[in-house]
């Protein structure tokens, strides 16, 4: 019995060491990606002039003129901190967990979102263009996804939508970016990058303040656990000015947006935003 107990302890120690090493490697990968994304801000960016958007459809032109003050340096990399709720369940049983998170967004190169819960299940980890890694108790993996075309395509949809309202300068007219009118208050931006294509609809009010985003996202968040295009989107509010940009400090978003099955699993309030400059 003593030999068995010692063997079990040895196995447990080896497992703990392996999990600890995995966590350390993940943290280092997070740090490398964060530093790489911070370096994506171009040197000496142009400054915003409304003439840059005169050829755009009216809803898009109103959006940019609302979101970017004339003369603002066109910074495209943002570091964001947030608090809020993250739903681990379904619309009927959302299982919301209080959480706090940090994110860096550098369209179109990528993003990194690191999160930990502040109540309920002790969950932490990160989400990026090429992986989703979460663990409970800071050690035990509960999700290790990524490295597939499906995951990259899904992450790209999130990235384009969030850039639209948090780093608007990244979606000014340019290579791989096209805008078209959907109706008098809705514009559709389509971004093409690295073989990926994503369209997102943005609805604005009369002055150009964004109200909501909606798009078809490549996702397996369905009962079949099969990747397919399905509605995603959310609502934007509490706009504040940061370094010449007006951005929403409150966002709620989720799957099946615009349908009776809409589940806003992501509900956050920003606590700080900083646009990187070099």
C-alpha atoms as a PDB file:
ATOM      1  CA  UNK A   1       0.000   0.000   0.000  1.00  0.00           C
ATOM      2  CA  UNK A   2       2.825   2.349   0.830  1.00  0.00           C
ATOM      3  CA  UNK A   3       4.429   1.673  -2.539  1.00  0.00           C
ATOM      4  CA  UNK A   4       1.098   2.342  -4.282  1.00  0.00           C
ATOM      5  CA  UNK A   5       0.632   5.600  -2.386  1.00  0.00           C
ATOM      6  CA  UNK A   6       4.133   6.757  -3.293  1.00  0.00           C
ATOM      7  CA  UNK A   7       3.527   5.840  -6.923  1.00  0.00           C
ATOM      8  CA  UNK A   8       0.284   7.826  -6.990  1.00  0.00           C
ATOM      9  CA  UNK A   9       2.010  10.804  -5.401  1.00  0.00           C
ATOM     10  CA  UNK A  10       4.781  10.614  -7.983  1.00  0.00           C
ATOM     11  CA  UNK A  11       2.246  10.495 -10.805  1.00  0.00           C
ATOM     12  CA  UNK A  12       0.379  13.461  -9.335  1.00  0.00           C
ATOM     13  CA  UNK A  13       3.622  15.422  -8.994  1.00  0.00           C
ATOM     14  CA  UNK A  14       4.583  14.695 -12.590  1.00  0.00           C
ATOM     15  CA  UNK A  15       1.115  15.720 -13.798  1.00  0.00           C
ATOM     16  CA  UNK A  16       1.242  18.957 -11.794  1.00  0.00           C
ATOM     17  CA  UNK A  17       4.701  19.708 -13.197  1.00  0.00           C
ATOM     18  CA  UNK A  18       3.494  19.076 -16.748  1.00  0.00           C
ATOM     19  CA  UNK A  19       0.435  21.301 -16.286  1.00  0.00           C
ATOM     20  CA  UNK A  20       2.565  24.015 -14.714  1.00  0.00           C
ATOM     21  CA  UNK A  21       5.002  23.882 -17.619  1.00  0.00           C
ATOM     22  CA  UNK A  22       2.123  24.122 -20.085  1.00  0.00           C
ATOM     23  CA  UNK A  23       0.786  27.167 -18.288  1.00  0.00           C
ATOM     24  CA  UNK A  24       4.212  28.815 -18.344  1.00  0.00           C
ATOM     25  CA  UNK A  25       4.606  28.163 -22.081  1.00  0.00           C
ATOM     26  CA  UNK A  26       1.132  29.602 -22.724  1.00  0.00           C
ATOM     27  CA  UNK A  27       1.959  32.735 -20.718  1.00  0.00           C
ATOM     28  CA  UNK A  28       5.153  33.210 -22.724  1.00  0.00           C
ATOM     29  CA  UNK A  29       3.230  32.797 -25.987  1.00  0.00           C
ATOM     30  CA  UNK A  30       0.697  35.399 -24.817  1.00  0.00           C
ATOM     31  CA  UNK A  31       3.518  37.805 -24.026  1.00  0.00           C
ATOM     32  CA  UNK A  32       5.229  37.291 -27.395  1.00  0.00           C
ATOM     33  CA  UNK A  33       2.002  37.924 -29.297  1.00  0.00           C
ATOM     34  CA  UNK A  34       1.177  40.998 -27.202  1.00  0.00           C
ATOM     35  CA  UNK A  35       4.596  42.543 -27.856  1.00  0.00           C
ATOM     36  CA  UNK A  36       4.413  41.717 -31.566  1.00  0.00           C
ATOM     37  CA  UNK A  37       0.998  43.326 -31.894  1.00  0.00           C
ATOM     38  CA  UNK A  38       2.126  46.487 -30.098  1.00  0.00           C
ATOM     39  CA  UNK A  39       4.791  46.885 -32.787  1.00  0.00           C
ATOM     40  CA  UNK A  40       2.227  46.892 -35.610  1.00  0.00           C
ATOM     41  CA  UNK A  41       1.375  50.576 -35.219  1.00  0.00           C
ATOM     42  CA  UNK A  42       2.956  52.424 -38.188  1.00  0.00           C
ATOM     43  CA  UNK A  43       5.405  55.223 -37.495  1.00  0.00           C
ATOM     44  CA  UNK A  44       4.209  58.789 -38.146  1.00  0.00           C
ATOM     45  CA  UNK A  45       0.581  57.949 -39.026  1.00  0.00           C
ATOM     46  CA  UNK A  46      -1.546  60.296 -41.081  1.00  0.00           C
ATOM     47  CA  UNK A  47      -4.055  62.547 -39.361  1.00  0.00           C
ATOM     48  CA  UNK A  48      -7.764  62.296 -39.989  1.00  0.00           C
ATOM     49  CA  UNK A  49      -9.329  64.654 -42.470  1.00  0.00           C
ATOM     50  CA  UNK A  50     -13.022  64.311 -43.452  1.00  0.00           C
ATOM     51  CA  UNK A  51     -11.935  64.439 -47.085  1.00  0.00           C
ATOM     52  CA  UNK A  52     -10.680  60.869 -46.582  1.00  0.00           C
ATOM     53  CA  UNK A  53     -14.260  59.591 -46.381  1.00  0.00           C
ATOM     54  CA  UNK A  54     -16.160  61.855 -48.791  1.00  0.00           C
ATOM     55  CA  UNK A  55     -16.499  59.063 -51.367  1.00  0.00           C
ATOM     56  CA  UNK A  56     -18.000  56.584 -48.890  1.00  0.00           C
ATOM     57  CA  UNK A  57     -21.728  55.793 -48.597  1.00  0.00           C
ATOM     58  CA  UNK A  58     -23.513  58.243 -46.305  1.00  0.00           C
ATOM     59  CA  UNK A  59     -23.851  55.936 -43.238  1.00  0.00           C
ATOM     60  CA  UNK A  60     -20.122  55.096 -43.386  1.00  0.00           C
ATOM     61  CA  UNK A  61     -19.146  58.735 -43.839  1.00  0.00           C
ATOM     62  CA  UNK A  62     -21.274  59.740 -40.841  1.00  0.00           C
ATOM     63  CA  UNK A  63     -19.692  56.949 -38.801  1.00  0.00           C
ATOM     64  CA  UNK A  64     -16.126  58.061 -39.426  1.00  0.00           C
ATOM     65  CA  UNK A  65     -16.874  61.731 -38.891  1.00  0.00           C
ATOM     66  CA  UNK A  66     -18.508  60.858 -35.564  1.00  0.00           C
ATOM     67  CA  UNK A  67     -15.823  58.387 -34.479  1.00  0.00           C
ATOM     68  CA  UNK A  68     -12.643  60.292 -35.393  1.00  0.00           C
ATOM     69  CA  UNK A  69     -12.021  63.961 -34.645  1.00  0.00           C
ATOM     70  CA  UNK A  70     -10.397  66.010 -37.408  1.00  0.00           C
ATOM     71  CA  UNK A  71      -6.626  66.042 -36.970  1.00  0.00           C
ATOM     72  CA  UNK A  72      -6.472  62.853 -34.884  1.00  0.00           C
ATOM     73  CA  UNK A  73      -3.424  60.648 -35.602  1.00  0.00           C
ATOM     74  CA  UNK A  74      -4.737  57.487 -37.243  1.00  0.00           C
ATOM     75  CA  UNK A  75      -3.599  55.010 -34.620  1.00  0.00           C
ATOM     76  CA  UNK A  76      -4.782  51.475 -35.280  1.00  0.00           C
ATOM     77  CA  UNK A  77      -3.500  49.496 -32.272  1.00  0.00           C
ATOM     78  CA  UNK A  78      -5.428  49.680 -28.995  1.00  0.00           C
ATOM     79  CA  UNK A  79      -4.792  48.215 -25.542  1.00  0.00           C
ATOM     80  CA  UNK A  80      -8.065  47.755 -23.678  1.00  0.00           C
ATOM     81  CA  UNK A  81      -9.048  46.695 -20.170  1.00  0.00           C
ATOM     82  CA  UNK A  82     -12.588  45.672 -19.322  1.00  0.00           C
ATOM     83  CA  UNK A  83     -14.881  44.170 -16.721  1.00  0.00           C
ATOM     84  CA  UNK A  84     -18.197  42.449 -17.217  1.00  0.00           C
ATOM     85  CA  UNK A  85     -19.987  39.155 -17.536  1.00  0.00           C
ATOM     86  CA  UNK A  86     -19.143  36.108 -19.626  1.00  0.00           C
ATOM     87  CA  UNK A  87     -21.876  33.522 -20.210  1.00  0.00           C
ATOM     88  CA  UNK A  88     -20.760  29.899 -20.053  1.00  0.00           C
ATOM     89  CA  UNK A  89     -24.224  28.465 -20.618  1.00  0.00           C
ATOM     90  CA  UNK A  90     -27.206  29.035 -22.900  1.00  0.00           C
ATOM     91  CA  UNK A  91     -29.896  31.651 -23.361  1.00  0.00           C
ATOM     92  CA  UNK A  92     -32.172  29.782 -20.920  1.00  0.00           C
ATOM     93  CA  UNK A  93     -29.384  29.111 -18.419  1.00  0.00           C
ATOM     94  CA  UNK A  94     -26.630  31.684 -19.150  1.00  0.00           C
ATOM     95  CA  UNK A  95     -24.353  30.860 -16.181  1.00  0.00           C
ATOM     96  CA  UNK A  96     -22.874  34.351 -16.223  1.00  0.00           C
ATOM     97  CA  UNK A  97     -19.493  34.732 -14.553  1.00  0.00           C
ATOM     98  CA  UNK A  98     -18.121  38.095 -13.444  1.00  0.00           C
ATOM     99  CA  UNK A  99     -14.807  38.607 -15.205  1.00  0.00           C
ATOM    100  CA  UNK A 100     -12.047  41.050 -16.012  1.00  0.00           C
ATOM    101  CA  UNK A 101      -9.934  41.064 -19.135  1.00  0.00           C
ATOM    102  CA  UNK A 102      -7.240  42.778 -21.138  1.00  0.00           C
ATOM    103  CA  UNK A 103      -7.080  42.941 -24.887  1.00  0.00           C
ATOM    104  CA  UNK A 104      -4.818  44.222 -27.613  1.00  0.00           C
ATOM    105  CA  UNK A 105      -6.396  44.785 -31.006  1.00  0.00           C
ATOM    106  CA  UNK A 106      -4.242  45.365 -34.095  1.00  0.00           C
ATOM    107  CA  UNK A 107      -6.306  45.085 -37.246  1.00  0.00           C
ATOM    108  CA  UNK A 108      -5.652  43.229 -39.538  1.00  0.00           C
ATOM    109  CA  UNK A 109      -2.644  41.526 -37.936  1.00  0.00           C
ATOM    110  CA  UNK A 110      -4.560  40.041 -35.004  1.00  0.00           C
ATOM    111  CA  UNK A 111      -5.708  40.348 -31.422  1.00  0.00           C
ATOM    112  CA  UNK A 112      -5.131  38.834 -28.000  1.00  0.00           C
ATOM    113  CA  UNK A 113      -7.734  38.711 -25.224  1.00  0.00           C
ATOM    114  CA  UNK A 114      -6.755  37.466 -21.761  1.00  0.00           C
ATOM    115  CA  UNK A 115      -9.463  36.876 -19.173  1.00  0.00           C
ATOM    116  CA  UNK A 116     -10.074  35.587 -15.670  1.00  0.00           C
ATOM    117  CA  UNK A 117     -13.336  35.217 -13.823  1.00  0.00           C
ATOM    118  CA  UNK A 118     -13.968  37.041 -10.555  1.00  0.00           C
ATOM    119  CA  UNK A 119     -16.838  34.857  -9.326  1.00  0.00           C
ATOM    120  CA  UNK A 120     -18.158  31.355  -9.740  1.00  0.00           C
ATOM    121  CA  UNK A 121     -15.971  28.982 -11.726  1.00  0.00           C
ATOM    122  CA  UNK A 122     -12.264  30.016 -11.423  1.00  0.00           C
ATOM    123  CA  UNK A 123     -11.598  30.252 -15.168  1.00  0.00           C
ATOM    124  CA  UNK A 124      -8.682  31.989 -16.890  1.00  0.00           C
ATOM    125  CA  UNK A 125      -6.918  31.946 -20.218  1.00  0.00           C
ATOM    126  CA  UNK A 126      -6.606  33.684 -23.559  1.00  0.00           C
ATOM    127  CA  UNK A 127      -8.231  33.950 -26.957  1.00  0.00           C
ATOM    128  CA  UNK A 128      -6.313  34.918 -30.097  1.00  0.00           C
ATOM    129  CA  UNK A 129      -6.370  34.589 -33.850  1.00  0.00           C
ATOM    130  CA  UNK A 130      -4.719  31.162 -33.674  1.00  0.00           C
ATOM    131  CA  UNK A 131      -5.826  29.688 -30.356  1.00  0.00           C
ATOM    132  CA  UNK A 132      -8.359  29.495 -27.541  1.00  0.00           C
ATOM    133  CA  UNK A 133      -6.821  28.321 -24.242  1.00  0.00           C
ATOM    134  CA  UNK A 134      -8.690  28.282 -20.954  1.00  0.00           C
ATOM    135  CA  UNK A 135      -8.158  26.460 -17.681  1.00  0.00           C
ATOM    136  CA  UNK A 136      -9.798  26.173 -14.291  1.00  0.00           C
ATOM    137  CA  UNK A 137      -7.939  26.827 -11.051  1.00  0.00           C
ATOM    138  CA  UNK A 138      -5.225  28.369 -13.213  1.00  0.00           C
ATOM    139  CA  UNK A 139      -3.928  24.915 -14.078  1.00  0.00           C
ATOM    140  CA  UNK A 140      -6.388  22.353 -15.453  1.00  0.00           C
ATOM    141  CA  UNK A 141      -7.098  22.791 -19.204  1.00  0.00           C
ATOM    142  CA  UNK A 142     -10.777  22.901 -20.168  1.00  0.00           C
ATOM    143  CA  UNK A 143     -10.325  24.263 -23.696  1.00  0.00           C
ATOM    144  CA  UNK A 144      -7.318  24.070 -26.027  1.00  0.00           C
ATOM    145  CA  UNK A 145      -8.442  24.895 -29.521  1.00  0.00           C
ATOM    146  CA  UNK A 146      -6.960  26.545 -32.578  1.00  0.00           C
ATOM    147  CA  UNK A 147      -4.446  26.000 -35.298  1.00  0.00           C
ATOM    148  CA  UNK A 148      -7.192  25.180 -37.808  1.00  0.00           C
ATOM    149  CA  UNK A 149      -8.688  27.068 -40.736  1.00  0.00           C
ATOM    150  CA  UNK A 150     -12.092  26.997 -39.022  1.00  0.00           C
ATOM    151  CA  UNK A 151     -10.794  28.603 -35.830  1.00  0.00           C
ATOM    152  CA  UNK A 152      -8.838  31.271 -37.733  1.00  0.00           C
ATOM    153  CA  UNK A 153     -11.872  32.166 -39.847  1.00  0.00           C
ATOM    154  CA  UNK A 154     -14.086  32.454 -36.779  1.00  0.00           C
ATOM    155  CA  UNK A 155     -11.544  34.630 -34.946  1.00  0.00           C
ATOM    156  CA  UNK A 156     -11.228  36.880 -37.987  1.00  0.00           C
ATOM    157  CA  UNK A 157     -14.934  37.675 -37.801  1.00  0.00           C
ATOM    158  CA  UNK A 158     -14.586  38.803 -34.196  1.00  0.00           C
ATOM    159  CA  UNK A 159     -11.513  40.859 -35.051  1.00  0.00           C
ATOM    160  CA  UNK A 160     -13.178  42.804 -37.883  1.00  0.00           C
ATOM    161  CA  UNK A 161     -16.291  43.551 -35.828  1.00  0.00           C
ATOM    162  CA  UNK A 162     -14.352  44.789 -32.799  1.00  0.00           C
ATOM    163  CA  UNK A 163     -11.991  46.867 -34.912  1.00  0.00           C
ATOM    164  CA  UNK A 164     -15.014  48.553 -36.426  1.00  0.00           C
ATOM    165  CA  UNK A 165     -16.029  50.152 -33.143  1.00  0.00           C
ATOM    166  CA  UNK A 166     -12.811  50.126 -31.038  1.00  0.00           C
ATOM    167  CA  UNK A 167     -10.144  50.976 -33.654  1.00  0.00           C
ATOM    168  CA  UNK A 168     -12.087  52.760 -36.424  1.00  0.00           C
ATOM    169  CA  UNK A 169      -8.950  54.132 -38.108  1.00  0.00           C
ATOM    170  CA  UNK A 170      -8.052  50.554 -39.060  1.00  0.00           C
ATOM    171  CA  UNK A 171     -11.090  50.381 -41.354  1.00  0.00           C
ATOM    172  CA  UNK A 172     -10.711  53.628 -43.254  1.00  0.00           C
ATOM    173  CA  UNK A 173     -10.726  53.144 -47.041  1.00  0.00           C
ATOM    174  CA  UNK A 174      -7.622  51.332 -48.196  1.00  0.00           C
ATOM    175  CA  UNK A 175      -6.311  48.100 -49.719  1.00  0.00           C
ATOM    176  CA  UNK A 176      -8.563  45.157 -48.892  1.00  0.00           C
ATOM    177  CA  UNK A 177     -11.280  47.367 -47.377  1.00  0.00           C
ATOM    178  CA  UNK A 178     -14.528  48.195 -49.170  1.00  0.00           C
ATOM    179  CA  UNK A 179     -17.712  49.937 -48.004  1.00  0.00           C
ATOM    180  CA  UNK A 180     -21.235  49.843 -49.382  1.00  0.00           C
ATOM    181  CA  UNK A 181     -24.627  51.134 -48.262  1.00  0.00           C
ATOM    182  CA  UNK A 182     -27.234  48.651 -47.063  1.00  0.00           C
ATOM    183  CA  UNK A 183     -29.881  51.268 -46.263  1.00  0.00           C
ATOM    184  CA  UNK A 184     -29.921  54.913 -45.200  1.00  0.00           C
ATOM    185  CA  UNK A 185     -28.577  54.107 -41.710  1.00  0.00           C
ATOM    186  CA  UNK A 186     -26.567  50.918 -42.344  1.00  0.00           C
ATOM    187  CA  UNK A 187     -23.205  50.447 -44.039  1.00  0.00           C
ATOM    188  CA  UNK A 188     -21.399  47.212 -44.775  1.00  0.00           C
ATOM    189  CA  UNK A 189     -17.624  46.974 -44.546  1.00  0.00           C
ATOM    190  CA  UNK A 190     -15.868  44.019 -46.182  1.00  0.00           C
ATOM    191  CA  UNK A 191     -12.288  43.241 -45.261  1.00  0.00           C
ATOM    192  CA  UNK A 192     -10.033  40.909 -47.236  1.00  0.00           C
ATOM    193  CA  UNK A 193      -6.746  39.823 -45.677  1.00  0.00           C
ATOM    194  CA  UNK A 194      -4.547  36.752 -45.953  1.00  0.00           C
ATOM    195  CA  UNK A 195      -7.139  34.767 -47.863  1.00  0.00           C
ATOM    196  CA  UNK A 196      -9.897  35.599 -45.374  1.00  0.00           C
ATOM    197  CA  UNK A 197     -12.983  37.676 -46.164  1.00  0.00           C
ATOM    198  CA  UNK A 198     -15.415  39.103 -43.620  1.00  0.00           C
ATOM    199  CA  UNK A 199     -18.346  41.492 -44.054  1.00  0.00           C
ATOM    200  CA  UNK A 200     -19.889  43.335 -41.088  1.00  0.00           C
ATOM    201  CA  UNK A 201     -22.975  45.561 -41.088  1.00  0.00           C
ATOM    202  CA  UNK A 202     -22.867  48.708 -38.959  1.00  0.00           C
ATOM    203  CA  UNK A 203     -26.039  50.600 -38.059  1.00  0.00           C
ATOM    204  CA  UNK A 204     -25.685  54.258 -37.026  1.00  0.00           C
ATOM    205  CA  UNK A 205     -28.011  57.065 -35.962  1.00  0.00           C
ATOM    206  CA  UNK A 206     -28.430  60.416 -37.691  1.00  0.00           C
ATOM    207  CA  UNK A 207     -25.155  61.822 -36.352  1.00  0.00           C
ATOM    208  CA  UNK A 208     -23.186  58.661 -37.141  1.00  0.00           C
ATOM    209  CA  UNK A 209     -23.110  57.186 -33.630  1.00  0.00           C
ATOM    210  CA  UNK A 210     -22.880  53.388 -33.939  1.00  0.00           C
ATOM    211  CA  UNK A 211     -25.861  51.515 -32.541  1.00  0.00           C
ATOM    212  CA  UNK A 212     -25.166  47.903 -33.434  1.00  0.00           C
ATOM    213  CA  UNK A 213     -23.056  45.554 -35.524  1.00  0.00           C
ATOM    214  CA  UNK A 214     -24.281  42.378 -37.193  1.00  0.00           C
ATOM    215  CA  UNK A 215     -22.617  39.785 -39.384  1.00  0.00           C
ATOM    216  CA  UNK A 216     -22.546  36.154 -40.403  1.00  0.00           C
ATOM    217  CA  UNK A 217     -19.839  34.491 -38.335  1.00  0.00           C
ATOM    218  CA  UNK A 218     -18.171  31.161 -39.047  1.00  0.00           C
ATOM    219  CA  UNK A 219     -18.906  29.355 -35.777  1.00  0.00           C
ATOM    220  CA  UNK A 220     -19.552  25.992 -34.146  1.00  0.00           C
ATOM    221  CA  UNK A 221     -21.599  27.529 -31.313  1.00  0.00           C
ATOM    222  CA  UNK A 222     -24.645  25.418 -32.124  1.00  0.00           C
ATOM    223  CA  UNK A 223     -26.227  22.178 -30.996  1.00  0.00           C
ATOM    224  CA  UNK A 224     -24.506  20.226 -33.779  1.00  0.00           C
ATOM    225  CA  UNK A 225     -21.051  21.613 -32.825  1.00  0.00           C
ATOM    226  CA  UNK A 226     -20.482  22.056 -36.558  1.00  0.00           C
ATOM    227  CA  UNK A 227     -18.842  25.080 -38.138  1.00  0.00           C
ATOM    228  CA  UNK A 228     -21.207  27.094 -40.309  1.00  0.00           C
ATOM    229  CA  UNK A 229     -22.224  30.683 -40.935  1.00  0.00           C
ATOM    230  CA  UNK A 230     -24.690  31.976 -38.352  1.00  0.00           C
ATOM    231  CA  UNK A 231     -25.849  35.364 -37.049  1.00  0.00           C
ATOM    232  CA  UNK A 232     -23.628  37.187 -34.583  1.00  0.00           C
ATOM    233  CA  UNK A 233     -23.642  40.764 -33.362  1.00  0.00           C
ATOM    234  CA  UNK A 234     -24.335  43.163 -30.553  1.00  0.00           C
ATOM    235  CA  UNK A 235     -25.271  46.589 -29.251  1.00  0.00           C
ATOM    236  CA  UNK A 236     -22.957  49.537 -28.543  1.00  0.00           C
ATOM    237  CA  UNK A 237     -23.429  52.382 -26.049  1.00  0.00           C
ATOM    238  CA  UNK A 238     -21.741  54.741 -23.545  1.00  0.00           C
ATOM    239  CA  UNK A 239     -19.493  56.483 -26.077  1.00  0.00           C
ATOM    240  CA  UNK A 240     -16.476  58.362 -24.754  1.00  0.00           C
ATOM    241  CA  UNK A 241     -13.603  60.180 -26.398  1.00  0.00           C
ATOM    242  CA  UNK A 242     -10.105  58.715 -26.104  1.00  0.00           C
ATOM    243  CA  UNK A 243      -7.177  60.340 -27.913  1.00  0.00           C
ATOM    244  CA  UNK A 244      -9.501  61.797 -30.526  1.00  0.00           C
ATOM    245  CA  UNK A 245     -11.588  58.640 -31.044  1.00  0.00           C
ATOM    246  CA  UNK A 246     -15.197  58.230 -29.882  1.00  0.00           C
ATOM    247  CA  UNK A 247     -15.683  54.587 -28.982  1.00  0.00           C
ATOM    248  CA  UNK A 248     -18.267  52.544 -27.055  1.00  0.00           C
ATOM    249  CA  UNK A 249     -17.406  51.768 -23.452  1.00  0.00           C
ATOM    250  CA  UNK A 250     -20.350  49.352 -23.135  1.00  0.00           C
ATOM    251  CA  UNK A 251     -20.761  46.388 -25.482  1.00  0.00           C
ATOM    252  CA  UNK A 252     -23.000  43.364 -25.383  1.00  0.00           C
ATOM    253  CA  UNK A 253     -22.734  40.699 -28.060  1.00  0.00           C
ATOM    254  CA  UNK A 254     -23.592  37.120 -28.771  1.00  0.00           C
ATOM    255  CA  UNK A 255     -24.730  34.358 -31.057  1.00  0.00           C
ATOM    256  CA  UNK A 256     -27.933  34.341 -33.115  1.00  0.00           C
ATOM    257  CA  UNK A 257     -28.101  38.141 -33.071  1.00  0.00           C
ATOM    258  CA  UNK A 258     -31.328  39.486 -34.540  1.00  0.00           C
ATOM    259  CA  UNK A 259     -33.267  36.276 -33.840  1.00  0.00           C
ATOM    260  CA  UNK A 260     -35.382  35.013 -30.963  1.00  0.00           C
ATOM    261  CA  UNK A 261     -32.437  32.801 -29.948  1.00  0.00           C
ATOM    262  CA  UNK A 262     -30.054  35.722 -29.360  1.00  0.00           C
ATOM    263  CA  UNK A 263     -27.811  35.035 -26.358  1.00  0.00           C
ATOM    264  CA  UNK A 264     -25.544  37.937 -25.287  1.00  0.00           C
ATOM    265  CA  UNK A 265     -22.785  35.898 -23.629  1.00  0.00           C
ATOM    266  CA  UNK A 266     -20.320  38.819 -23.781  1.00  0.00           C
ATOM    267  CA  UNK A 267     -21.347  41.908 -21.766  1.00  0.00           C
ATOM    268  CA  UNK A 268     -18.536  44.328 -20.901  1.00  0.00           C
ATOM    269  CA  UNK A 269     -17.680  47.828 -19.768  1.00  0.00           C
ATOM    270  CA  UNK A 270     -14.290  49.251 -20.640  1.00  0.00           C
ATOM    271  CA  UNK A 271     -12.216  50.613 -17.772  1.00  0.00           C
ATOM    272  CA  UNK A 272      -9.281  51.905 -19.808  1.00  0.00           C
ATOM    273  CA  UNK A 273      -8.235  52.312 -23.442  1.00  0.00           C
ATOM    274  CA  UNK A 274      -4.874  53.367 -24.806  1.00  0.00           C
ATOM    275  CA  UNK A 275      -4.003  53.762 -28.473  1.00  0.00           C
ATOM    276  CA  UNK A 276      -0.429  52.765 -29.108  1.00  0.00           C
ATOM    277  CA  UNK A 277       1.999  55.140 -30.789  1.00  0.00           C
ATOM    278  CA  UNK A 278       5.629  54.668 -31.809  1.00  0.00           C
END
